[in-house]
């Protein structure tokens, strides 16, 4: 099956599809023991139409989508001027990189990251950082191939759990 992927800023017309994409990939990745109350409490406001609409309206360069025809298959989200949990770094954070499993290993993640880094460089930012669950070897390997390196480990606390993450940085 041939795919023609287009990378572009998210638009208000994408809101419904974007919310579904975020939720689907998040559940697939993090609901390893099923859908918990904690997962729902985090996911519903984070991926709500209202939050996405606000982000797209106020920071139109923060969400970049990968579209196959007009169908969204991936997304990367940038949070600007974010304090890194390691050191005194304040820089853009690659906050989310979500791709439907069916579209993984087709270069879409690399394409989204290239677009995100291009936007970050356009804004004269010299580096970007991200954090990834330390048990997510596939993602860590992927980010290393893109030139990110681990600068430390930091926990993320939710209502009930602690998640240990590798913090990664790239000079752009």
Protein backbone atom coordinates (compact mmCIF):
# COMPACT_ATOMS: atom_id res chain seq x y z
CA UNK A 1 0.00 0.00 0.00
CA UNK A 2 1.52 3.32 -1.12
CA UNK A 3 1.20 6.31 1.19
CA UNK A 4 1.75 9.94 0.27
CA UNK A 5 2.49 11.67 3.57
CA UNK A 6 2.17 15.43 3.92
CA UNK A 7 3.59 17.26 6.94
CA UNK A 8 1.85 20.47 7.94
CA UNK A 9 0.78 22.57 10.92
CA UNK A 10 -2.39 21.32 12.59
CA UNK A 11 -5.51 23.26 11.70
CA UNK A 12 -8.77 23.82 13.53
CA UNK A 13 -10.45 21.53 10.99
CA UNK A 14 -8.23 18.71 12.40
CA UNK A 15 -9.52 18.94 15.98
CA UNK A 16 -11.77 15.86 16.05
CA UNK A 17 -9.27 13.64 14.21
CA UNK A 18 -6.37 14.95 16.29
CA UNK A 19 -8.13 14.20 19.57
CA UNK A 20 -8.83 10.63 18.44
CA UNK A 21 -5.25 10.13 17.19
CA UNK A 22 -3.77 11.30 20.51
CA UNK A 23 -6.11 9.11 22.57
CA UNK A 24 -5.66 6.01 20.44
CA UNK A 25 -1.86 6.11 20.48
CA UNK A 26 -1.77 7.04 24.16
CA UNK A 27 -4.00 4.10 25.11
CA UNK A 28 -2.01 1.73 22.91
CA UNK A 29 1.23 2.86 24.56
CA UNK A 30 0.30 3.37 28.21
CA UNK A 31 -2.74 1.19 28.94
CA UNK A 32 -0.58 -1.89 29.42
CA UNK A 33 -2.92 -3.18 32.14
CA UNK A 34 -6.13 -1.76 30.67
CA UNK A 35 -7.81 1.62 30.91
CA UNK A 36 -7.43 2.84 34.49
CA UNK A 37 -9.09 5.78 36.26
CA UNK A 38 -5.70 7.49 36.37
CA UNK A 39 -5.22 7.10 32.63
CA UNK A 40 -8.66 8.58 31.93
CA UNK A 41 -8.09 11.45 34.40
CA UNK A 42 -4.89 12.41 32.54
CA UNK A 43 -5.99 11.67 29.01
CA UNK A 44 -9.38 13.35 28.77
CA UNK A 45 -8.28 16.93 29.52
CA UNK A 46 -4.87 16.55 27.80
CA UNK A 47 -6.40 15.44 24.51
CA UNK A 48 -9.64 17.40 24.71
CA UNK A 49 -10.94 19.37 21.75
CA UNK A 50 -10.81 22.51 23.92
CA UNK A 51 -7.12 22.17 24.81
CA UNK A 52 -6.17 21.34 21.25
CA UNK A 53 -8.22 24.24 19.90
CA UNK A 54 -6.54 26.62 22.34
CA UNK A 55 -3.08 25.36 21.42
CA UNK A 56 -3.67 25.58 17.67
CA UNK A 57 -5.26 29.04 17.99
CA UNK A 58 -2.65 30.59 20.26
CA UNK A 59 0.50 28.71 19.16
CA UNK A 60 -0.11 27.56 15.58
CA UNK A 61 3.46 26.28 15.19
CA UNK A 62 3.24 23.95 18.19
CA UNK A 63 1.42 20.99 16.62
CA UNK A 64 2.55 19.42 13.35
CA UNK A 65 0.63 16.57 11.76
CA UNK A 66 1.42 13.87 9.25
CA UNK A 67 -1.49 13.29 6.90
CA UNK A 68 -2.14 10.48 4.45
CA UNK A 69 -4.58 12.11 2.03
CA UNK A 70 -6.65 14.08 4.58
CA UNK A 71 -6.34 11.38 7.24
CA UNK A 72 -4.08 12.06 10.22
CA UNK A 73 -1.56 9.30 10.90
CA UNK A 74 0.91 11.05 13.21
CA UNK A 75 1.55 14.17 15.25
CA UNK A 76 4.39 15.92 17.02
CA UNK A 77 3.79 18.60 19.64
CA UNK A 78 6.29 21.22 20.79
CA UNK A 79 6.07 23.05 24.11
CA UNK A 80 8.05 26.29 23.90
CA UNK A 81 10.34 27.62 26.65
CA UNK A 82 9.96 24.55 28.85
CA UNK A 83 12.16 23.95 31.88
CA UNK A 84 13.99 20.66 31.48
CA UNK A 85 14.02 18.47 34.62
CA UNK A 86 17.81 18.10 34.25
CA UNK A 87 20.15 21.06 34.66
CA UNK A 88 19.36 24.69 33.95
CA UNK A 89 17.99 24.11 30.49
CA UNK A 90 14.99 26.07 29.22
CA UNK A 91 14.30 25.13 25.62
CA UNK A 92 11.60 23.74 23.37
CA UNK A 93 10.41 20.32 24.49
CA UNK A 94 9.34 17.70 21.99
CA UNK A 95 6.37 16.90 24.18
CA UNK A 96 4.62 14.24 22.11
CA UNK A 97 5.43 12.19 19.05
CA UNK A 98 2.51 9.90 18.32
CA UNK A 99 2.10 7.72 15.23
CA UNK A 100 -0.56 5.13 14.58
CA UNK A 101 1.08 1.72 14.90
CA UNK A 102 0.03 0.78 11.35
CA UNK A 103 2.16 3.69 10.07
CA UNK A 104 5.26 3.04 12.18
CA UNK A 105 8.54 2.16 10.46
CA UNK A 106 7.62 4.15 7.35
CA UNK A 107 9.77 7.20 8.12
CA UNK A 108 6.85 9.25 9.44
CA UNK A 109 8.40 9.73 12.89
CA UNK A 110 11.62 10.96 11.30
CA UNK A 111 9.63 13.26 9.02
CA UNK A 112 7.68 14.74 11.93
CA UNK A 113 10.84 15.23 13.96
CA UNK A 114 12.56 16.92 11.00
CA UNK A 115 9.61 19.31 10.67
CA UNK A 116 9.60 20.04 14.41
CA UNK A 117 13.34 20.70 14.42
CA UNK A 118 13.00 22.95 11.34
CA UNK A 119 10.35 25.04 13.14
CA UNK A 120 12.49 25.18 16.30
CA UNK A 121 15.55 26.33 14.33
CA UNK A 122 13.43 28.95 12.50
CA UNK A 123 12.64 30.41 15.93
CA UNK A 124 16.39 30.62 16.58
CA UNK A 125 16.34 28.01 19.32
CA UNK A 126 19.68 26.17 19.52
CA UNK A 127 18.46 22.90 21.04
CA UNK A 128 15.47 20.76 21.95
CA UNK A 129 14.86 18.21 24.66
CA UNK A 130 12.41 15.42 25.39
CA UNK A 131 11.81 12.68 27.85
CA UNK A 132 10.84 9.12 27.16
CA UNK A 133 9.81 6.26 29.41
CA UNK A 134 13.06 4.47 30.26
CA UNK A 135 11.51 1.10 29.37
CA UNK A 136 10.60 2.31 25.85
CA UNK A 137 13.71 0.96 24.13
CA UNK A 138 12.24 1.43 20.64
CA UNK A 139 11.72 5.17 21.21
CA UNK A 140 15.11 5.67 22.89
CA UNK A 141 16.86 3.94 19.97
CA UNK A 142 14.87 6.07 17.51
CA UNK A 143 15.79 9.36 19.23
CA UNK A 144 19.46 8.35 19.47
CA UNK A 145 19.49 7.74 15.70
CA UNK A 146 18.19 11.31 15.28
CA UNK A 147 21.08 12.70 17.34
CA UNK A 148 19.48 13.03 20.78
CA UNK A 149 21.59 11.90 23.70
CA UNK A 150 20.63 11.00 27.25
CA UNK A 151 21.52 13.70 29.78
CA UNK A 152 19.90 12.10 32.82
CA UNK A 153 16.92 10.36 34.30
CA UNK A 154 13.91 12.08 35.86
CA UNK A 155 10.68 10.77 37.34
CA UNK A 156 7.23 11.84 36.26
CA UNK A 157 4.68 11.59 39.04
CA UNK A 158 0.99 11.07 38.40
CA UNK A 159 -1.80 10.73 40.94
CA UNK A 160 -0.87 7.15 41.80
CA UNK A 161 2.33 6.26 40.00
CA UNK A 162 5.90 7.19 39.30
CA UNK A 163 7.33 6.81 35.80
CA UNK A 164 11.09 6.92 35.31
CA UNK A 165 12.13 8.68 32.12
CA UNK A 166 15.32 9.19 30.18
CA UNK A 167 15.81 12.89 29.44
CA UNK A 168 17.37 13.47 26.04
CA UNK A 169 18.83 16.60 24.42
CA UNK A 170 19.90 17.59 20.92
CA UNK A 171 21.89 20.62 19.82
CA UNK A 172 20.30 21.81 16.59
